Protein backbone atom coordinates (compact mmCIF):
# COMPACT_ATOMS: atom_id res chain seq x y z
CA MET A 1 -22.70 104.64 252.22
CA LYS A 2 -23.11 108.74 252.54
CA ALA A 3 -26.53 110.08 253.66
CA ASP A 4 -26.70 111.60 249.64
CA VAL A 5 -27.22 107.71 248.40
CA TYR A 6 -31.41 108.75 249.61
CA ALA A 7 -32.79 109.67 246.39
CA SER A 8 -35.61 112.20 246.85
CA MET A 9 -38.86 110.57 248.51
CA ALA A 10 -41.13 113.42 248.15
CA LEU A 11 -44.56 112.74 245.96
CA PRO A 12 -47.18 114.38 244.48
CA ASP A 13 -49.59 115.47 247.34
CA PRO A 14 -52.85 113.98 246.81
CA MET A 15 -54.31 116.47 249.25
CA ARG A 16 -52.56 119.74 248.77
CA GLY A 17 -54.42 123.11 249.79
CA ALA A 18 -58.21 123.25 250.92
CA GLY A 19 -60.56 121.37 249.40
CA ARG A 20 -62.80 118.15 249.63
CA LEU A 21 -61.86 114.50 250.09
CA PHE A 22 -64.79 112.77 248.06
CA LEU A 23 -66.11 109.52 249.49
CA TRP A 24 -67.84 106.98 247.90
CA PRO A 25 -68.95 104.63 250.98
CA ASN A 26 -69.95 100.80 250.37
CA ASP A 27 -72.24 100.26 252.93
CA PRO A 28 -74.68 102.48 255.03
CA GLY A 29 -72.37 101.27 258.35
CA THR A 30 -69.71 102.90 256.62
CA ALA A 31 -71.68 106.15 255.75
CA ARG A 32 -72.69 106.61 259.30
CA GLU A 33 -68.70 105.90 260.26
CA LEU A 34 -67.81 108.56 257.99
CA GLU A 35 -69.97 111.17 259.89
CA ALA A 36 -68.48 110.02 263.18
CA VAL A 37 -65.03 110.41 262.09
CA ALA A 38 -65.86 114.36 260.68
CA LEU A 39 -67.53 114.75 263.96
CA ARG A 40 -64.59 113.97 266.09
CA LEU A 41 -62.54 116.21 263.81
CA GLY A 42 -64.68 118.73 264.09
CA ARG A 43 -64.69 118.99 260.14
CA ARG A 44 -67.93 119.62 258.08
CA LEU A 45 -69.18 116.81 255.62
CA ASP A 46 -71.10 117.73 252.29
CA LYS A 47 -74.10 114.61 251.80
CA PHE A 48 -75.14 113.97 248.25
CA GLU A 49 -77.56 111.46 248.41
CA ARG A 50 -78.31 110.45 244.96
CA ASP A 51 -74.54 110.10 243.91
CA GLY A 52 -73.97 108.17 247.52
CA CYS A 53 -71.41 110.64 247.84
CA VAL A 54 -70.19 112.30 251.00
CA ALA A 55 -67.33 115.10 251.05
CA LEU A 56 -65.46 116.00 253.72
CA HIS A 57 -63.96 119.31 254.09
CA THR A 58 -60.25 119.80 254.34
CA ASP A 59 -57.36 122.32 254.48
CA GLU A 60 -53.85 121.82 253.88
CA ARG A 61 -52.64 121.97 257.53
CA ASP A 62 -54.73 118.73 258.75
CA ALA A 63 -54.59 116.32 255.48
CA VAL A 64 -52.19 114.29 257.17
CA LEU A 65 -54.55 114.11 260.40
CA ILE A 66 -57.74 113.24 258.95
CA LEU A 67 -56.15 110.38 257.20
CA ASP A 68 -54.40 108.77 260.20
CA THR A 69 -58.20 109.24 261.34
CA LEU A 70 -60.11 107.73 258.74
CA ARG A 71 -57.53 104.73 259.00
CA ARG A 72 -57.81 104.62 263.05
CA TYR A 73 -61.77 104.54 262.63
CA LEU A 74 -62.91 102.23 259.79
CA ASP A 75 -62.01 98.83 259.57
CA ALA A 76 -60.20 97.40 256.80
CA HIS A 77 -63.50 96.24 254.67
CA ALA A 78 -64.72 99.97 254.84
CA LEU A 79 -61.07 101.26 253.74
CA THR A 80 -61.13 98.65 250.68
CA ARG A 81 -64.42 99.31 249.63
CA THR A 82 -64.61 102.99 250.02
CA ARG A 83 -63.33 105.12 247.43
CA ALA A 84 -61.24 108.56 247.34
CA VAL A 85 -60.61 111.41 245.14
CA PHE A 86 -59.51 114.67 246.18
CA LYS A 87 -60.76 118.58 244.60
CA VAL A 88 -59.05 121.33 245.08
CA GLY A 89 -61.48 124.19 246.18
CA MET A 90 -65.34 123.83 246.17
CA GLY A 91 -65.51 122.02 242.63
CA THR A 92 -67.41 118.68 242.53
CA PRO A 93 -65.83 115.54 240.91
CA SER A 94 -66.18 115.26 236.66
CA LEU A 95 -65.68 112.31 234.94
CA ALA A 96 -62.42 112.66 233.86
CA ASP A 97 -61.88 112.35 238.00
CA PHE A 98 -63.30 108.86 238.40
CA PRO A 99 -60.11 107.09 236.73
CA ARG A 100 -57.80 108.22 239.65
CA ALA A 101 -60.67 107.41 241.96
CA ASN A 102 -58.53 105.06 244.61
CA SER A 103 -59.61 102.44 247.28
CA LEU A 104 -59.46 104.74 250.47
CA ASP A 105 -56.67 102.26 251.62
CA THR A 106 -54.68 102.96 248.71
CA PHE A 107 -55.43 106.84 249.43
CA VAL A 108 -54.11 106.90 252.69
CA GLY A 109 -51.03 104.73 251.92
CA TYR A 110 -49.85 107.09 249.24
CA ALA A 111 -50.46 110.09 251.42
CA ARG A 112 -48.84 108.92 254.54
CA GLY A 113 -45.70 107.47 252.10
CA LYS A 114 -45.80 111.41 251.05
CA TRP A 115 -45.89 112.42 254.52
CA LEU A 116 -43.10 110.12 255.52
CA GLY A 117 -41.05 110.98 252.33
CA GLU A 118 -41.32 114.61 253.27
CA MET A 119 -39.53 114.45 256.25
CA ILE A 120 -37.28 112.30 255.00
CA ASP A 121 -35.98 114.93 252.90
CA SER A 122 -35.81 117.72 255.31
CA ARG A 123 -34.10 115.61 257.44
CA ARG A 124 -36.91 115.92 260.17
CA LEU A 125 -36.72 111.95 260.50
CA THR A 126 -33.62 111.03 263.35
CA ALA A 127 -32.34 108.95 265.28
CA TRP A 128 -32.55 108.96 268.92
CA PHE A 129 -30.45 107.14 271.07
CA GLN A 130 -31.28 105.16 274.88
CA PRO A 131 -29.12 103.23 277.37
CA ILE A 132 -29.05 99.57 277.79
CA VAL A 133 -27.53 99.29 281.49
CA ASN A 134 -26.56 96.70 283.32
CA ALA A 135 -28.75 95.23 285.43
CA GLN A 136 -26.67 94.59 288.45
CA ASN A 137 -24.70 98.24 287.93
CA PRO A 138 -27.85 100.19 286.08
CA GLU A 139 -24.81 103.32 286.11
CA LYS A 140 -22.90 101.04 283.51
CA VAL A 141 -24.12 101.46 280.20
CA GLU A 142 -23.54 98.88 278.01
CA ALA A 143 -25.08 100.21 274.44
CA TRP A 144 -27.53 102.20 273.25
CA GLU A 145 -31.08 101.50 271.15
CA ALA A 146 -31.57 103.89 268.23
CA LEU A 147 -34.72 104.99 268.06
CA ALA A 148 -36.68 106.57 265.42
CA ARG A 149 -38.09 110.54 266.10
CA GLY A 150 -40.30 112.43 264.07
CA ARG A 151 -40.19 116.26 263.94
CA SER A 152 -42.95 118.46 262.48
CA HIS A 153 -42.35 121.45 260.49
CA ASN A 154 -42.04 124.07 263.94
CA SER A 155 -39.54 122.34 265.39
CA SER A 156 -40.78 122.36 268.67
CA VAL A 157 -40.25 119.57 271.58
CA ALA A 158 -44.03 119.05 271.70
CA GLU A 159 -44.09 117.99 268.04
CA VAL A 160 -41.83 115.11 268.06
CA VAL A 161 -43.37 112.41 266.30
CA LEU A 162 -42.91 109.06 267.85
CA PRO A 163 -42.21 105.91 266.45
CA CYS A 164 -45.48 104.40 266.50
CA ARG A 165 -47.16 107.06 264.16
CA LEU A 166 -43.78 106.48 262.01
CA ILE A 167 -43.78 102.91 261.45
CA SER A 168 -47.48 102.98 260.73
CA ALA A 169 -47.22 105.24 257.81
CA ALA A 170 -44.00 103.17 256.75
CA LYS A 171 -46.00 100.24 256.61
CA ASP A 172 -49.20 101.60 255.16
CA ALA A 173 -47.01 103.07 252.28
CA GLY A 174 -44.79 100.06 251.90
CA MET A 175 -41.69 102.09 252.64
CA LEU A 176 -40.69 100.14 256.15
CA ALA A 177 -36.93 98.74 253.96
CA THR A 178 -36.50 102.67 252.94
CA PHE A 179 -37.45 103.69 256.42
CA ASP A 180 -35.17 101.15 258.27
CA ARG A 181 -32.16 102.30 256.07
CA HIS A 182 -32.71 105.69 256.64
CA ILE A 183 -32.74 105.56 260.37
CA HIS A 184 -29.89 103.43 260.34
CA GLN A 185 -27.84 105.65 258.42
CA GLN A 186 -28.84 108.86 260.65
CA ALA A 187 -28.13 106.70 264.05
CA LEU A 188 -24.55 105.69 262.60
CA GLU A 189 -24.22 109.54 261.80
CA ALA A 190 -24.81 110.76 265.47
CA PHE A 191 -23.12 108.44 266.89
CA ASP A 192 -20.12 109.94 268.18
CA LEU A 193 -19.15 109.15 271.87
CA PRO A 194 -16.43 110.57 273.67
CA ASP A 195 -12.75 109.12 272.57
CA GLY A 196 -12.58 105.20 274.05
CA ALA A 197 -16.43 104.37 274.68
CA MET A 198 -17.01 101.31 273.52
CA HIS A 199 -20.82 100.97 274.20
CA GLY A 200 -22.74 98.89 271.33
CA LEU A 201 -25.62 100.17 269.23
CA PHE A 202 -29.24 98.51 268.62
CA LEU A 203 -30.39 99.15 265.05
CA ASN A 204 -34.01 97.99 264.90
CA VAL A 205 -34.95 95.57 261.80
CA THR A 206 -38.36 95.08 260.72
CA THR A 207 -38.92 91.53 259.26
CA SER A 208 -40.57 93.77 256.48
CA THR A 209 -37.26 94.92 255.80
CA LEU A 210 -35.56 91.35 256.10
CA GLU A 211 -37.89 89.81 253.39
CA ASN A 212 -37.10 92.69 250.88
CA PRO A 213 -34.63 92.76 248.56
CA GLU A 214 -33.70 95.64 248.04
CA PHE A 215 -32.47 95.29 252.05
CA CYS A 216 -28.57 94.97 251.56
CA LEU A 217 -26.35 94.24 254.49
CA THR A 218 -23.21 94.78 252.89
CA GLN A 219 -24.28 98.54 252.87
CA LEU A 220 -24.98 98.43 256.20
CA HIS A 221 -21.73 96.98 256.54
CA HIS A 222 -19.77 99.62 254.76
CA ALA A 223 -21.39 102.29 256.30
CA CYS A 224 -20.51 100.69 260.23
CA LEU A 225 -16.67 101.01 258.60
CA GLN A 226 -17.29 104.53 257.22
CA ALA A 227 -18.61 105.35 260.84
CA ASP A 228 -15.58 103.63 262.58
CA LEU A 229 -17.57 101.37 263.90
CA GLN A 230 -16.78 97.77 264.08
CA PRO A 231 -20.04 95.32 263.13
CA SER A 232 -19.28 93.41 266.22
CA ARG A 233 -20.69 95.99 268.08
CA ILE A 234 -23.90 96.46 266.39
CA THR A 235 -26.77 94.16 266.97
CA LEU A 236 -29.70 94.11 264.61
CA GLU A 237 -32.66 94.55 266.40
CA ILE A 238 -35.19 92.08 265.40
CA ILE A 239 -38.98 93.20 265.38
CA GLU A 240 -42.31 92.89 264.42
CA SER A 241 -40.87 89.08 264.75
CA GLU A 242 -44.45 87.97 264.70
CA THR A 243 -45.44 88.58 260.97
CA ILE A 244 -42.48 86.63 259.45
CA ILE A 245 -44.16 85.37 256.03
CA SER A 246 -40.72 84.10 254.23
CA LEU A 247 -38.89 82.57 257.09
CA ASP A 248 -36.30 81.03 254.94
CA ARG A 249 -35.32 84.51 253.24
CA VAL A 250 -34.60 85.56 257.10
CA GLN A 251 -32.97 82.88 258.32
CA ASP A 252 -30.23 83.42 254.81
CA ILE A 253 -30.13 87.20 255.75
CA LEU A 254 -29.49 86.49 259.03
CA THR A 255 -26.76 83.81 258.27
CA ILE A 256 -24.77 86.62 256.11
CA ALA A 257 -25.37 89.07 259.11
CA ARG A 258 -23.78 86.76 261.40
CA ALA A 259 -20.72 86.14 258.66
CA LEU A 260 -20.09 89.93 258.53
CA GLY A 261 -19.75 90.04 262.51
CA PHE A 262 -23.51 91.70 263.60
CA GLY A 263 -25.14 90.54 267.30
CA LEU A 264 -28.99 89.89 266.73
CA ALA A 265 -31.43 90.78 269.26
CA LEU A 266 -35.07 89.27 269.08
CA ASP A 267 -37.40 92.07 270.19
CA ASP A 268 -40.53 92.02 272.13
CA LEU A 269 -40.62 88.45 273.72
CA GLY A 270 -43.35 88.02 275.96
CA ALA A 271 -46.07 90.35 273.83
CA GLY A 272 -49.23 89.05 272.25
CA TYR A 273 -49.05 86.00 270.91
CA SER A 274 -45.37 86.15 270.14
CA ASN A 275 -43.39 82.98 268.87
CA LEU A 276 -41.12 81.08 271.22
CA ASN A 277 -40.24 78.89 268.32
CA LEU A 278 -38.39 81.83 266.82
CA ILE A 279 -35.24 81.72 269.42
CA HIS A 280 -34.44 78.28 267.94
CA GLN A 281 -35.61 79.18 264.65
CA LEU A 282 -33.48 82.59 264.74
CA ARG A 283 -31.10 81.68 267.20
CA PRO A 284 -30.34 85.11 268.62
CA ASP A 285 -27.55 86.32 270.70
CA ILE A 286 -30.20 88.16 272.94
CA VAL A 287 -33.43 88.72 273.87
CA LYS A 288 -35.64 91.31 275.14
CA LEU A 289 -38.16 90.91 277.28
CA ASP A 290 -41.31 93.26 276.20
CA MET A 291 -42.17 96.06 278.61
CA ALA A 292 -45.82 94.41 278.68
CA LEU A 293 -44.43 91.40 280.65
CA VAL A 294 -42.01 93.61 282.42
CA ARG A 295 -44.35 95.95 283.65
CA ASN A 296 -45.24 95.71 287.75
CA ILE A 297 -43.64 92.33 287.20
CA HIS A 298 -42.85 92.48 291.42
CA THR A 299 -46.68 91.98 292.23
CA ASP A 300 -47.97 90.19 289.26
CA PRO A 301 -47.19 86.70 290.32
CA TYR A 302 -48.43 85.76 286.38
CA LYS A 303 -46.09 87.85 285.00
CA ALA A 304 -43.61 87.04 287.17
CA VAL A 305 -43.60 82.67 286.89
CA LEU A 306 -43.65 83.63 283.01
CA ALA A 307 -40.88 85.57 282.95
CA GLN A 308 -38.87 83.24 285.11
CA LYS A 309 -39.16 80.36 282.62
CA ILE A 310 -38.18 82.86 279.66
CA LEU A 311 -35.16 83.43 281.64
CA GLU A 312 -34.42 79.65 283.02
CA ALA A 313 -34.36 78.60 279.01
CA THR A 314 -32.38 81.84 277.86
CA HIS A 315 -29.72 81.22 280.67
CA SER A 316 -29.45 77.38 279.65
CA LEU A 317 -28.91 78.66 275.68
CA GLY A 318 -26.38 80.93 276.73
CA VAL A 319 -28.33 83.97 275.88
CA HIS A 320 -28.24 87.06 276.65
CA THR A 321 -31.52 89.19 277.80
CA VAL A 322 -32.36 92.88 278.08
CA ALA A 323 -35.80 93.66 279.65
CA GLU A 324 -37.55 97.14 278.19
CA GLY A 325 -39.71 99.43 279.14
CA VAL A 326 -38.42 99.42 283.19
CA GLU A 327 -40.21 102.56 284.72
CA CYS A 328 -39.54 102.01 288.40
CA GLU A 329 -37.38 100.92 291.00
CA GLU A 330 -39.28 98.04 292.18
CA GLU A 331 -38.61 96.57 288.55
CA LEU A 332 -35.27 97.28 288.47
CA GLU A 333 -34.93 95.52 291.35
CA TRP A 334 -37.00 91.93 290.34
CA LEU A 335 -35.01 91.93 287.27
CA ALA A 336 -31.93 92.17 288.58
CA ALA A 337 -32.62 89.89 291.35
CA HIS A 338 -33.93 87.02 288.59
CA ASP A 339 -30.23 87.58 286.75
CA VAL A 340 -31.76 90.11 283.73
CA ASN A 341 -28.27 91.07 282.21
CA PHE A 342 -29.08 94.68 281.41
CA VAL A 343 -32.65 96.73 281.39
CA GLN A 344 -33.60 99.85 279.52
CA GLY A 345 -36.69 101.66 280.41
CA TYR A 346 -37.72 105.93 281.28
CA PHE A 347 -36.39 104.60 284.89
CA ILE A 348 -32.99 104.40 283.49
CA ALA A 349 -33.27 107.28 280.85
CA ARG A 350 -35.57 108.90 278.12
CA PRO A 351 -34.02 109.14 274.52
CA THR A 352 -32.12 112.18 273.41
CA PRO A 353 -30.85 113.43 270.30
CA SER A 354 -27.71 111.95 271.02
CA PRO A 355 -25.82 109.63 273.23
CA ARG A 356 -23.84 111.84 274.73
CA LEU A 357 -26.58 114.76 275.69
CA LEU A 358 -27.38 112.32 278.27
CA PRO A 359 -27.05 112.96 281.61
CA LEU A 360 -27.68 109.04 283.88
CA PRO A 361 -29.00 108.85 286.97
CA THR A 362 -27.07 107.61 290.27
CA PHE A 363 -28.27 104.94 291.67
CA VAL A 364 -27.96 104.11 295.39
């Protein structure tokens, strides 16, 4: 499974060049929100009262920013009911343009997919690595988690694109399976540790990807072998577990994963309304305590009690634990004292483009 198996993901740009994005809001409230968005962006907004239309001025440099902002500030109803079409320059839509007018959420998803596809094509979407260390001996790296990072055209460190924005774009564009496969391949290619290092590698997999028939575990298995990594060193970390639609499909895929030798981890336990039932439904080897539960756990008795109960249950089941988002010494000390197996977070080390580049701190 070489990198060149990925076909070009570039899509026609729905907002190429400077022009105006014409929007037909469905109600006065949405019209007011569009005015507020234009004000936030500092962009000119033309109004066409007779047609119930507004036109937001754009240039090719800020197309993605504009669409991201519209998605952030308009609710799902407004995004679905507002129609959109883009015209280059100062022209106005003609009858020939109306058949290509889409709902704004479709328009946003298409544009964000194009942005993500071009990032994949130009190899600006890569994997970075964050160490997972032994809680009792944090100088000992046990594994690395591969994390998605994007890079803007200017390649500046200040322009690194973080996973939340990348995953959001992939979700909007229906590209989560493509996104996951690309990051897996990038991680396997870059996971070049010194001879003799036997650290494991955690690869994130969204539940949408597991449910997607295009996702093929045998291809991932082959890619691991090509990278000289035995599947037993790979842990598939299941994220967005609360959004599982087809539990039977996910369970079947995970049965295949185990048969191929992959380990399984369940991410974000203790976050929001995460379902504890998934522990017995998916039977993971590892569960990861969410950073929201870990943050200030040494001073918050509610978090401490909840975490202790989770740890008692996982230890009884023989399931290992990783605490995410450790940001201070006191959190690390609490976790180690309560028998968490592994930890990761900025207090240990920030992600870097290669595990070889990371100088780990010395703890005393």
